[in-house]
Amino acid sequence: MRGAKSAKWVAIAGVVALSATACGGGGNDSGNSGKVDPKGIVSYANGEPQNALQPSNTMEAYGSVVIDALFTGLVHYDKQGNITYENAESVTPDKDSKVWTVKLKQGWKFHNGEAVTAKSYVDAWNWAADPANGQQNSSWYRDIVGYDDVHPAKGKAKKKAMSGLKVVDDNTFTITLKGGIPYYAYKLVYKPFFPLPSAALKDPKKYGEAPVGNGPYKFKSWDHKKSIQVTAWSGYKGEDKPKNGGINFKAYSKDTAAYADLKSDNVDTMPLVPNSEIANFKQDFGDRAIEQDFSAINTINPAFYTKQWKDIDVKVLQGLSMAIDRDTIAKTVFHGTRESATGWVAKGVKGWTKDACGEYCKFDPKKAKAAIKDGGGVPGNKISIQYNADQPHKDWVVAVCNSITKSTGVQCVGDPVTDFAADTEIRDQKKVKSIYRSGWVLDYPFNGNFLADLYGTGVDGNKGGFSDKKFDALTKKADEAKTIDESAKLYQEAEKELQNSFPGIPLWYNKTLSAHSNNVKNVVFDQAGDPILSEVQVFEK
């Protein structure tokens, strides 16, 4: 795959060039011949996706990695953060960055032989914007003229299609935005902007179980909670043609089981090694161990729709944040492989700035206790942190809770749910009891992606029900800037404003800590923490 492609909820707590301290490698311990088998299958330790495999309805790691194998969008970006073209020949704005003209490369097809045309994009976006189709990424079209007619905040839809989307010819369409957005081309990287074949709209349920894409891999099978298999597609027109015969996305309910299989060469790589193995994985895998930076952040977010947090004084949240000894937890639980977060935007993206959170992300038990008291205290004097038990969260949740309780006297407990699918479903249904663990990965290297797309009122990524008019006004101003650089600076102002509302408590910036089996080589992870699976090569046995 092409590198970082999708913002997503990450199952595991975890524009710069990636720097692997160790990767590639690949010895002969498993009896491989040293020769590459171009038809060899790569196995990846994954989990069961939350939803059917539809690009506009996938917002979590297990489904995202599969979608990215099956689909290719209009654009992507390189390691320096510059836009690169994939299915698009060009994406060009007018002088106000309000009307964008998209021209497609000719000759591209879906896996079923249907041509990929301008209509494939326009019809897919209009379908996904329609609330009747229940696509959780629908708000990603909110910038387009006519979105409010298709997806009104209240009442019935007035139209079935956004007036801001126009098919010019088979290979050209235009996107008219409500206002100029200088960085809009970056948004087109994300999955809701992928094309769909006509069959997807005729029978969405059937399609979601056996999707037809236009990407480097073609769907083969889905054995629920066991594996999803895709095969390399010979008709692929993109530059990232697979160097293997396919991928077996193996579903694991425990990361420790995946790690054991990785050590035994029964799976070829995994997203992150378990916390319990961080101290040992480099010794276990030698030159097959992988350590890389990637653009993601971990937070704990209040469910503002609950009685506990509705209309809470921000001093209480500021106090809880100051009660967390991030540095010590990073050193002990994560063995120094996490960096304490100083704001709400992940490192490695345009507009990242240090200390956006200010004093409130610095450990100070005395100030923490005083702030909570001044804010009227935590209702019930007890909080719980929801997390998915199928990944290594328990240790750090316990450590965070211990730090909060010791610093402030507020009781804090973990609230484990069975797996990541259950965790995200509870968030979607707004049934979180108190606070939930959150991990967010970029889908384009711009600070606005971690701000407006996560904490804007009513956006799909905003699972805690946070809303702040001043923040919304600042992000709107940032979107109306004339240049990308000006927009990034204005988003920095919006991020700093979050000190006064605290939609979530920043914890750590992530690193990818993984490894690969003796069966493969060229395993590298991208800026979104996903393996670049098309580059992996499999040894002959």
Protein backbone atom coordinates (compact mmCIF):
# COMPACT_ATOMS: atom_id res chain seq x y z
CA MET A 1 0.00 0.00 0.00
CA ARG A 2 1.01 3.61 -0.44
CA GLY A 3 1.77 4.57 3.12
CA ALA A 4 -0.40 6.41 5.64
CA LYS A 5 -3.89 6.39 4.21
CA SER A 6 -6.55 6.65 6.83
CA ALA A 7 -7.50 8.36 10.00
CA LYS A 8 -8.89 5.70 12.24
CA TRP A 9 -9.54 4.64 15.79
CA VAL A 10 -6.57 2.50 16.71
CA ALA A 11 -7.07 -0.67 18.64
CA ILE A 12 -3.70 -0.45 20.37
CA ALA A 13 -2.38 2.41 22.48
CA GLY A 14 0.68 3.15 20.93
CA VAL A 15 5.55 15.46 7.65
CA VAL A 16 8.60 13.32 8.59
CA ALA A 17 10.40 10.46 6.96
CA LEU A 18 10.01 7.16 8.75
CA SER A 19 13.10 5.90 10.50
CA ALA A 20 13.23 2.19 11.23
CA THR A 21 15.89 1.26 13.72
CA ALA A 22 15.67 -2.26 12.37
CA CYS A 23 13.63 -3.73 9.56
CA GLY A 24 13.95 -5.85 6.44
CA GLY A 25 16.29 -8.60 7.51
CA GLY A 26 14.94 -12.08 7.14
CA GLY A 27 17.16 -15.03 7.80
CA ASN A 28 16.83 -18.71 7.07
CA ASP A 29 15.75 -19.92 10.50
CA SER A 30 12.45 -21.23 9.19
CA GLY A 31 14.00 -23.14 6.35
CA ASN A 32 13.34 -20.61 3.58
CA SER A 33 15.53 -20.82 0.50
CA GLY A 34 16.53 -17.18 0.40
CA LYS A 35 14.73 -16.86 -2.94
CA VAL A 36 11.58 -14.77 -3.28
CA ASP A 37 8.25 -16.33 -4.23
CA PRO A 38 6.20 -13.62 -6.06
CA LYS A 39 3.05 -15.62 -5.41
CA GLY A 40 3.72 -16.10 -1.70
CA ILE A 41 1.03 -15.07 0.79
CA VAL A 42 1.82 -12.61 3.61
CA SER A 43 -0.03 -13.16 6.90
CA TYR A 44 -0.84 -10.16 9.09
CA ALA A 45 -2.12 -10.29 12.67
CA ASN A 46 -5.34 -8.29 12.58
CA GLY A 47 -8.75 -8.49 14.28
CA GLU A 48 -12.40 -8.62 13.30
CA PRO A 49 -13.55 -5.36 11.62
CA GLN A 50 -16.34 -3.49 13.37
CA ASN A 51 -18.51 -3.13 10.27
CA ALA A 52 -19.00 -4.46 6.77
CA LEU A 53 -16.13 -3.59 4.44
CA GLN A 54 -17.38 -0.30 3.02
CA PRO A 55 -14.94 2.63 2.72
CA SER A 56 -17.44 5.18 4.02
CA ASN A 57 -18.35 3.04 7.02
CA THR A 58 -14.89 2.11 8.29
CA MET A 59 -13.24 4.16 11.04
CA GLU A 60 -11.10 1.65 12.93
CA ALA A 61 -7.82 -0.14 12.45
CA TYR A 62 -8.97 -3.70 11.70
CA GLY A 63 -11.21 -2.67 8.82
CA SER A 64 -8.98 0.16 7.59
CA VAL A 65 -5.99 -2.01 6.77
CA VAL A 66 -8.20 -4.28 4.63
CA ILE A 67 -9.95 -1.39 2.87
CA ASP A 68 -6.58 0.15 2.03
CA ALA A 69 -5.52 -3.08 0.35
CA LEU A 70 -8.68 -3.24 -1.76
CA PHE A 71 -9.01 0.40 -2.82
CA THR A 72 -6.97 3.22 -4.29
CA GLY A 73 -8.18 6.80 -4.05
CA LEU A 74 -7.55 9.99 -5.95
CA VAL A 75 -4.46 11.22 -4.14
CA HIS A 76 -1.92 10.41 -1.50
CA TYR A 77 1.16 12.17 -0.13
CA ASP A 78 4.88 11.48 0.11
CA LYS A 79 7.13 11.45 3.18
CA GLN A 80 7.59 15.20 2.91
CA GLY A 81 3.83 15.76 2.98
CA ASN A 82 3.49 16.68 -0.70
CA ILE A 83 0.39 15.56 -2.61
CA THR A 84 0.96 12.66 -5.00
CA TYR A 85 -1.55 11.45 -7.58
CA GLU A 86 -2.95 7.93 -7.65
CA ASN A 87 -6.23 7.44 -9.54
CA ALA A 88 -6.31 11.19 -10.24
CA GLU A 89 -4.38 12.80 -13.07
CA SER A 90 -4.81 16.14 -11.32
CA VAL A 91 -6.79 17.83 -8.54
CA THR A 92 -6.84 21.57 -9.18
CA PRO A 93 -8.44 24.40 -7.16
CA ASP A 94 -9.66 27.73 -8.48
CA LYS A 95 -8.07 30.92 -7.15
CA ASP A 96 -10.29 30.83 -4.04
CA SER A 97 -9.79 27.10 -3.32
CA LYS A 98 -13.56 26.74 -3.50
CA VAL A 99 -14.09 24.85 -6.76
CA TRP A 100 -11.84 21.85 -7.28
CA THR A 101 -11.55 20.10 -10.65
CA VAL A 102 -10.63 16.42 -10.57
CA LYS A 103 -9.32 14.68 -13.69
CA LEU A 104 -8.90 10.90 -13.57
CA LYS A 105 -6.27 8.73 -15.17
CA GLN A 106 -7.83 6.75 -17.99
CA GLY A 107 -8.01 2.98 -18.18
CA TRP A 108 -8.53 2.25 -14.49
CA LYS A 109 -11.02 -0.51 -13.66
CA PHE A 110 -12.64 -2.12 -10.66
CA HIS A 111 -11.83 -5.75 -9.90
CA ASN A 112 -15.02 -6.82 -11.72
CA GLY A 113 -13.96 -5.10 -14.95
CA GLU A 114 -16.22 -2.06 -14.61
CA ALA A 115 -14.51 1.22 -15.57
CA VAL A 116 -13.63 3.67 -12.81
CA THR A 117 -15.19 6.96 -13.92
CA ALA A 118 -16.11 10.34 -12.48
CA LYS A 119 -19.57 8.91 -11.84
CA SER A 120 -18.00 6.14 -9.70
CA TYR A 121 -16.83 8.84 -7.30
CA VAL A 122 -19.81 11.19 -7.40
CA ASP A 123 -22.41 8.43 -6.97
CA ALA A 124 -20.44 6.84 -4.11
CA TRP A 125 -20.13 10.11 -2.20
CA ASN A 126 -23.78 11.03 -2.66
CA TRP A 127 -24.86 7.57 -1.51
CA ALA A 128 -22.65 7.71 1.57
CA ALA A 129 -23.83 11.23 2.48
CA ASP A 130 -27.46 10.02 2.61
CA PRO A 131 -28.28 9.31 6.29
CA ALA A 132 -30.64 6.53 5.19
CA ASN A 133 -27.57 4.49 4.29
CA GLY A 134 -26.07 4.72 7.78
CA GLN A 135 -22.46 5.42 6.83
CA GLN A 136 -20.49 6.61 9.86
CA ASN A 137 -18.05 8.68 7.78
CA SER A 138 -20.78 10.75 6.13
CA SER A 139 -19.77 14.05 7.75
CA TRP A 140 -16.57 14.03 5.70
CA TYR A 141 -18.64 15.51 2.87
CA ARG A 142 -19.84 18.37 5.07
CA ASP A 143 -17.67 20.92 3.22
CA ILE A 144 -19.45 20.28 -0.10
CA VAL A 145 -22.29 22.53 -1.26
CA GLY A 146 -25.60 20.71 -0.89
CA TYR A 147 -24.51 18.37 1.89
CA ASP A 148 -27.03 19.95 4.29
CA ASP A 149 -29.85 19.25 1.82
CA VAL A 150 -28.88 15.57 1.68
CA HIS A 151 -27.91 15.18 5.32
CA PRO A 152 -29.75 17.85 7.37
CA ALA A 153 -29.05 18.22 11.07
CA LYS A 154 -32.78 17.95 11.68
CA GLY A 155 -35.78 16.87 9.66
CA LYS A 156 -36.01 14.99 6.39
CA ALA A 157 -33.55 15.22 3.53
CA LYS A 158 -34.54 17.60 0.75
CA LYS A 159 -32.39 15.99 -1.92
CA LYS A 160 -30.56 12.75 -2.72
CA ALA A 161 -27.51 14.36 -4.33
CA MET A 162 -25.15 17.18 -3.33
CA SER A 163 -25.39 20.08 -5.74
CA GLY A 164 -21.68 20.74 -5.30
CA LEU A 165 -20.73 17.55 -7.16
CA LYS A 166 -20.90 17.70 -10.97
CA VAL A 167 -19.84 15.08 -13.52
CA VAL A 168 -18.25 16.90 -16.46
CA ASP A 169 -17.32 13.83 -18.51
CA ASP A 170 -16.24 10.23 -17.90
CA ASN A 171 -12.89 11.31 -16.48
CA THR A 172 -13.67 14.73 -14.98
CA PHE A 173 -15.79 16.01 -12.11
CA THR A 174 -15.91 19.15 -9.99
CA ILE A 175 -16.30 19.67 -6.26
CA THR A 176 -17.75 23.00 -5.12
CA LEU A 177 -17.18 23.75 -1.45
CA LYS A 178 -19.20 25.99 0.85
CA GLY A 179 -16.05 28.04 1.36
CA GLY A 180 -12.46 27.91 0.21
CA ILE A 181 -10.27 25.30 1.93
CA PRO A 182 -6.63 25.52 0.81
CA TYR A 183 -5.70 22.04 2.04
CA TYR A 184 -8.81 20.26 0.70
CA ALA A 185 -6.81 17.96 -1.59
CA TYR A 186 -5.34 16.34 1.52
CA LYS A 187 -8.80 15.37 2.75
CA LEU A 188 -9.33 13.37 -0.44
CA VAL A 189 -6.81 10.83 0.85
CA TYR A 190 -9.35 9.45 3.32
CA LYS A 191 -11.51 6.39 2.64
CA PRO A 192 -14.93 8.10 2.26
CA PHE A 193 -13.55 9.63 -0.93
CA PHE A 194 -12.83 6.27 -2.58
CA PRO A 195 -14.91 5.24 -5.63
CA LEU A 196 -17.48 2.45 -5.66
CA PRO A 197 -18.72 0.22 -8.50
CA SER A 198 -22.41 0.38 -9.37
CA ALA A 199 -23.12 -2.99 -7.68
CA ALA A 200 -22.12 -1.53 -4.31
CA LEU A 201 -25.08 0.87 -4.39
CA LYS A 202 -27.59 -1.69 -5.66
CA ASP A 203 -26.99 -4.20 -2.85
CA PRO A 204 -24.82 -2.56 -0.16
CA LYS A 205 -25.26 -5.36 2.37
CA LYS A 206 -24.05 -8.03 -0.03
CA TYR A 207 -21.24 -5.79 -1.25
CA GLY A 208 -19.98 -5.12 2.29
CA GLU A 209 -19.38 -8.84 2.78
CA ALA A 210 -17.47 -9.21 -0.50
CA PRO A 211 -16.27 -5.79 -1.64
CA VAL A 212 -15.08 -5.00 -5.16
CA GLY A 213 -12.42 -2.30 -5.22
CA ASN A 214 -9.90 -0.75 -7.58
CA GLY A 215 -6.79 -1.29 -5.47
CA PRO A 216 -3.72 -3.52 -5.60
CA TYR A 217 -5.50 -6.49 -4.00
CA LYS A 218 -8.74 -8.26 -4.87
CA PHE A 219 -11.13 -9.68 -2.27
CA LYS A 220 -11.09 -13.46 -1.92
CA SER A 221 -12.90 -14.47 1.27
CA TRP A 222 -14.04 -13.44 4.75
CA ASP A 223 -14.34 -16.09 7.43
CA HIS A 224 -15.69 -13.95 10.25
CA LYS A 225 -13.50 -13.68 13.35
CA LYS A 226 -10.94 -15.93 11.67
CA SER A 227 -9.48 -14.33 8.56
CA ILE A 228 -9.97 -12.08 5.54
CA GLN A 229 -8.01 -13.07 2.46
CA VAL A 230 -7.13 -10.90 -0.53
CA THR A 231 -5.07 -11.73 -3.64
CA ALA A 232 -2.80 -9.57 -5.78
CA TRP A 233 -4.72 -8.14 -8.75
CA SER A 234 -2.93 -8.35 -12.09
CA GLY A 235 -5.09 -5.59 -13.60
CA TYR A 236 -3.99 -2.93 -11.13
CA LYS A 237 -2.93 0.37 -12.76
CA GLY A 238 -1.24 1.99 -9.78
CA GLU A 239 2.49 2.23 -9.15
CA ASP A 240 2.40 0.21 -5.92
CA LYS A 241 1.90 -3.18 -7.52
CA PRO A 242 2.14 -6.03 -4.99
CA LYS A 243 5.45 -7.87 -4.66
CA ASN A 244 3.60 -10.87 -3.20
CA GLY A 245 0.61 -13.01 -4.10
CA GLY A 246 -1.80 -11.77 -1.45
CA ILE A 247 -2.53 -11.08 2.20
CA ASN A 248 -4.13 -13.22 4.88
CA PHE A 249 -5.51 -10.88 7.56
CA LYS A 250 -5.68 -13.27 10.51
CA ALA A 251 -8.07 -12.29 13.31
CA TYR A 252 -6.67 -12.53 16.83
CA SER A 253 -8.54 -11.78 20.03
CA LYS A 254 -5.33 -11.55 22.08
CA ASP A 255 -2.13 -9.76 21.10
CA THR A 256 -0.13 -12.23 23.16
CA ALA A 257 -1.36 -15.06 20.95
CA ALA A 258 -0.36 -13.11 17.86
CA TYR A 259 3.09 -12.49 19.34
CA ALA A 260 3.57 -16.18 20.07
CA ASP A 261 2.63 -17.00 16.47
CA LEU A 262 5.04 -14.34 15.22
CA LYS A 263 7.90 -15.89 17.18
CA SER A 264 6.96 -19.28 15.75
CA ASP A 265 6.73 -17.96 12.15
CA ASN A 266 2.99 -18.75 12.08
CA VAL A 267 2.16 -15.12 11.24
CA ASP A 268 4.45 -12.71 9.39
CA THR A 269 3.94 -9.41 11.21
CA MET A 270 1.66 -7.59 13.65
CA PRO A 271 0.66 -3.96 14.39
CA LEU A 272 2.38 -3.64 17.77
CA VAL A 273 4.02 -6.07 20.15
CA PRO A 274 2.27 -6.55 23.53
CA ASN A 275 3.30 -4.26 26.39
CA SER A 276 4.53 -7.34 28.24
CA GLU A 277 7.04 -8.01 25.45
CA ILE A 278 8.36 -4.48 24.83
CA ALA A 279 11.43 -5.14 26.97
CA ASN A 280 12.14 -8.39 25.13
CA PHE A 281 11.10 -8.07 21.49
CA LYS A 282 14.44 -6.76 20.17
CA GLN A 283 16.22 -9.68 21.79
CA ASP A 284 13.57 -12.10 20.50
CA PHE A 285 13.77 -10.91 16.89
CA GLY A 286 17.21 -9.33 16.45
CA ASP A 287 17.45 -7.59 13.08
CA ARG A 288 13.80 -8.47 12.42
CA ALA A 289 12.63 -6.13 15.20
CA ILE A 290 11.06 -2.85 14.04
CA GLU A 291 10.88 0.50 15.82
CA GLN A 292 9.47 3.51 13.93
CA ASP A 293 7.77 6.79 14.69
CA PHE A 294 4.27 7.34 13.37
CA SER A 295 1.68 10.08 13.61
CA ALA A 296 -0.79 9.05 16.27
CA ILE A 297 -1.84 10.23 19.70
CA ASN A 298 -3.45 8.56 22.69
CA THR A 299 -5.98 10.36 24.86
CA ILE A 300 -8.70 9.60 27.38
CA ASN A 301 -11.94 11.40 26.52
CA PRO A 302 -14.96 12.18 28.69
CA ALA A 303 -18.38 11.23 27.39
CA PHE A 304 -19.90 14.71 27.60
CA TYR A 305 -23.38 13.32 26.97
CA THR A 306 -23.38 11.61 30.38
CA LYS A 307 -24.79 13.15 33.53
CA GLN A 308 -21.31 13.09 35.06
CA TRP A 309 -19.63 15.29 32.44
CA LYS A 310 -22.44 17.40 31.05
CA ASP A 311 -21.75 21.07 31.89
CA ILE A 312 -18.65 20.11 33.89
CA ASP A 313 -16.33 22.93 34.97
CA VAL A 314 -13.21 22.71 32.80
CA LYS A 315 -11.04 23.04 35.93
CA VAL A 316 -12.00 19.47 36.83
CA LEU A 317 -10.68 18.14 33.52
CA GLN A 318 -7.55 20.29 33.76
CA GLY A 319 -6.98 18.87 37.22
CA LEU A 320 -7.37 15.27 36.09
CA SER A 321 -4.85 15.93 33.34
CA MET A 322 -2.30 17.39 35.75
CA ALA A 323 -2.78 14.36 38.00
CA ILE A 324 -1.30 11.95 35.43
CA ASP A 325 2.43 11.25 35.66
CA ARG A 326 2.91 10.65 31.91
CA ASP A 327 6.70 10.51 31.96
CA THR A 328 6.90 7.84 34.66
CA ILE A 329 4.23 5.69 33.02
CA ALA A 330 6.03 6.00 29.66
CA LYS A 331 9.25 4.80 31.29
CA THR A 332 7.76 1.96 33.34
CA VAL A 333 4.75 0.55 31.49
CA PHE A 334 6.03 1.37 27.99
CA HIS A 335 9.75 0.94 28.72
CA GLY A 336 10.56 4.36 27.30
CA THR A 337 8.86 3.74 23.95
CA ARG A 338 6.22 6.45 24.36
CA GLU A 339 6.66 10.23 24.50
CA SER A 340 4.42 12.32 26.74
CA ALA A 341 1.94 14.37 24.72
CA THR A 342 2.00 18.16 25.09
CA GLY A 343 -1.11 18.88 23.00
CA TRP A 344 -3.93 17.33 21.00
CA VAL A 345 -2.15 16.99 17.62
CA ALA A 346 0.16 14.07 16.79
CA LYS A 347 3.78 14.75 15.92
CA GLY A 348 4.97 14.57 12.32
CA VAL A 349 2.17 16.62 10.75
CA LYS A 350 2.12 20.18 9.42
CA GLY A 351 1.15 22.62 12.16
CA TRP A 352 2.23 20.48 15.10
CA THR A 353 3.38 22.70 17.94
CA LYS A 354 4.90 21.94 21.30
CA ASP A 355 3.11 22.79 24.56
CA ALA A 356 -0.34 23.52 23.08
CA CYS A 357 -1.71 22.01 26.31
CA GLY A 358 0.54 24.21 28.44
CA GLU A 359 0.77 23.56 32.17
CA TYR A 360 -2.24 21.24 32.07
CA CYS A 361 -0.26 18.37 30.52
CA LYS A 362 2.49 18.63 33.15
CA PHE A 363 2.36 16.43 36.23
CA ASP A 364 1.60 18.55 39.31
CA PRO A 365 -0.40 16.75 42.04
CA LYS A 366 -0.82 19.86 44.17
CA LYS A 367 -2.27 21.96 41.34
CA ALA A 368 -4.34 18.98 40.17
CA LYS A 369 -6.07 18.55 43.50
CA ALA A 370 -6.68 22.29 43.84
CA ALA A 371 -8.11 22.62 40.32
CA ILE A 372 -10.56 19.77 40.84
CA LYS A 373 -11.69 21.28 44.13
CA ASP A 374 -12.10 24.74 42.57
CA GLY A 375 -14.15 23.20 39.77
CA GLY A 376 -16.62 21.63 42.18
CA GLY A 377 -15.08 18.16 42.16
CA VAL A 378 -15.68 15.06 40.05
CA PRO A 379 -19.37 14.09 40.31
CA GLY A 380 -19.50 10.97 42.47
CA ASN A 381 -15.73 11.34 43.08
CA LYS A 382 -15.20 8.33 40.81
CA ILE A 383 -14.33 7.81 37.15
CA SER A 384 -13.95 4.76 34.95
CA ILE A 385 -11.85 4.42 31.77
CA GLN A 386 -13.33 2.18 29.08
CA TYR A 387 -10.86 0.17 26.99
CA ASN A 388 -10.82 -2.91 24.75
CA ALA A 389 -9.43 -5.93 26.58
CA ASP A 390 -8.17 -7.68 23.43
CA GLN A 391 -5.18 -5.33 23.28
CA PRO A 392 -2.54 -4.25 25.83
CA HIS A 393 -4.34 -1.43 27.61
CA LYS A 394 -4.89 -2.76 31.12
CA ASP A 395 -1.43 -1.94 32.49
CA TRP A 396 -1.38 1.69 31.45
CA VAL A 397 -5.04 2.24 32.42
CA VAL A 398 -4.23 0.91 35.90
CA ALA A 399 -1.17 3.16 36.05
CA VAL A 400 -3.14 6.24 34.98
CA CYS A 401 -5.86 5.46 37.52
CA ASN A 402 -3.33 4.96 40.30
CA SER A 403 -1.71 8.30 39.45
CA ILE A 404 -5.06 10.12 39.48
CA THR A 405 -6.20 8.54 42.74
CA LYS A 406 -2.89 9.08 44.50
CA SER A 407 -2.70 12.72 43.36
CA THR A 408 -6.28 13.79 43.94
CA GLY A 409 -8.21 11.20 45.92
CA VAL A 410 -10.59 10.68 43.00
CA GLN A 411 -11.36 6.97 42.64
CA CYS A 412 -10.46 5.62 39.21
CA VAL A 413 -11.02 2.15 37.76
CA GLY A 414 -10.65 0.47 34.40
CA ASP A 415 -13.77 -0.49 32.46
CA PRO A 416 -12.72 -3.33 30.11
CA VAL A 417 -14.93 -4.50 27.25
CA THR A 418 -14.33 -7.71 25.34
CA ASP A 419 -12.76 -6.45 22.12
CA PHE A 420 -12.21 -3.46 19.86
CA ALA A 421 -15.43 -3.96 17.91
CA ALA A 422 -17.44 -3.90 21.14
CA ASP A 423 -15.49 -0.87 22.35
CA THR A 424 -16.20 1.19 19.22
CA GLU A 425 -19.83 0.06 19.14
CA ILE A 426 -20.37 1.37 22.68
CA ARG A 427 -18.88 4.71 21.63
CA ASP A 428 -21.05 4.84 18.49
CA GLN A 429 -24.18 4.18 20.55
CA LYS A 430 -23.17 6.82 23.12
CA LYS A 431 -23.23 4.36 25.97
CA VAL A 432 -19.83 5.07 27.54
CA LYS A 433 -20.27 5.28 31.30
CA SER A 434 -17.63 7.90 32.09
CA ILE A 435 -14.38 8.18 30.06
CA TYR A 436 -13.09 6.16 27.11
CA ARG A 437 -9.63 5.34 25.79
CA SER A 438 -9.00 6.94 22.42
CA GLY A 439 -6.23 6.58 19.87
CA TRP A 440 -6.28 8.60 16.64
CA VAL A 441 -4.05 8.24 13.57
CA LEU A 442 -3.69 10.83 10.84
CA ASP A 443 -5.30 10.47 7.45
CA TYR A 444 -3.46 13.48 6.06
CA PRO A 445 -0.41 15.28 7.50
CA PHE A 446 -2.15 18.45 8.67
CA ASN A 447 -3.00 19.56 12.21
CA GLY A 448 -6.63 20.27 11.31
CA ASN A 449 -7.18 16.52 10.96
CA PHE A 450 -6.65 16.10 14.72
CA LEU A 451 -8.80 19.11 15.58
CA ALA A 452 -11.81 19.89 13.37
CA ASP A 453 -12.17 16.24 12.29
CA LEU A 454 -12.08 14.99 15.87
CA TYR A 455 -13.53 17.72 18.07
CA GLY A 456 -15.75 19.77 15.76
CA THR A 457 -19.42 19.79 16.74
CA GLY A 458 -21.24 16.83 15.19
CA VAL A 459 -18.36 15.38 13.16
CA ASP A 460 -18.06 11.61 12.86
CA GLY A 461 -14.83 11.37 14.82
CA ASN A 462 -16.32 13.20 17.79
CA LYS A 463 -17.59 10.24 19.82
CA GLY A 464 -17.71 12.04 23.18
CA GLY A 465 -20.31 14.63 22.19
CA PHE A 466 -17.92 17.55 22.73
CA SER A 467 -19.10 20.94 21.47
CA ASP A 468 -17.56 24.37 21.82
CA LYS A 469 -18.70 27.37 19.76
CA LYS A 470 -15.44 29.27 20.12
CA PHE A 471 -13.40 26.28 18.94
CA ASP A 472 -15.76 25.74 15.99
CA ALA A 473 -15.43 29.40 15.01
CA LEU A 474 -11.63 29.19 15.11
CA THR A 475 -11.54 26.06 12.94
CA LYS A 476 -13.93 27.72 10.47
CA LYS A 477 -11.59 30.69 10.28
CA ALA A 478 -8.65 28.33 9.70
CA ASP A 479 -10.50 26.63 6.84
CA GLU A 480 -11.14 30.00 5.21
CA ALA A 481 -7.44 30.93 5.10
CA LYS A 482 -5.88 31.72 1.73
CA THR A 483 -2.89 29.37 2.07
CA ILE A 484 -2.09 26.05 3.72
CA ASP A 485 0.56 27.66 5.93
CA GLU A 486 -1.87 30.33 7.14
CA SER A 487 -4.50 27.67 7.79
CA ALA A 488 -2.06 25.60 9.86
CA LYS A 489 -1.19 28.65 12.00
CA LEU A 490 -4.85 29.41 12.62
CA TYR A 491 -5.44 25.78 13.59
CA GLN A 492 -2.66 26.19 16.15
CA GLU A 493 -4.77 28.95 17.72
CA ALA A 494 -7.77 26.59 17.75
CA GLU A 495 -5.71 23.89 19.45
CA LYS A 496 -4.52 26.27 22.14
CA GLU A 497 -8.15 27.22 22.81
CA LEU A 498 -8.79 23.59 23.81
CA GLN A 499 -7.02 24.36 27.09
CA ASN A 500 -10.23 26.14 28.05
CA SER A 501 -12.60 23.29 27.19
CA PHE A 502 -10.57 20.02 27.30
CA PRO A 503 -12.38 17.64 24.91
CA GLY A 504 -9.89 14.94 25.83
CA ILE A 505 -6.84 14.47 28.04
CA PRO A 506 -3.65 13.98 25.96
CA LEU A 507 -1.44 11.10 27.08
CA TRP A 508 1.29 9.97 24.68
CA TYR A 509 2.58 10.07 21.12
CA ASN A 510 2.96 6.64 19.52
CA LYS A 511 5.71 4.52 18.05
CA THR A 512 5.38 1.37 15.99
CA LEU A 513 7.06 -1.51 17.81
CA SER A 514 6.78 -4.67 15.77
CA ALA A 515 8.76 -7.41 14.06
CA HIS A 516 8.48 -9.85 11.20
CA SER A 517 8.86 -13.57 10.72
CA ASN A 518 11.67 -15.44 9.02
CA ASN A 519 9.30 -16.04 6.09
CA VAL A 520 9.36 -12.49 4.71
CA LYS A 521 11.51 -9.43 4.10
CA ASN A 522 11.00 -5.70 3.33
CA VAL A 523 8.52 -5.15 6.15
CA VAL A 524 8.18 -1.41 6.78
CA PHE A 525 5.38 0.50 8.49
CA ASP A 526 4.00 3.81 7.25
CA GLN A 527 3.24 7.13 8.91
CA ALA A 528 -0.17 5.79 9.96
CA GLY A 529 1.36 2.77 11.69
CA ASP A 530 0.22 0.30 9.02
CA PRO A 531 2.50 -2.14 7.24
CA ILE A 532 3.17 -1.30 3.59
CA LEU A 533 1.97 -4.75 2.60
CA SER A 534 2.44 -4.42 -1.15
CA GLU A 535 6.21 -4.14 -0.60
CA VAL A 536 6.56 -7.28 1.54
CA GLN A 537 8.30 -10.19 -0.17
CA VAL A 538 7.84 -13.84 0.78
CA PHE A 539 10.67 -16.38 0.72
CA GLU A 540 10.33 -19.65 -1.10
CA LYS A 541 10.25 -22.66 1.18
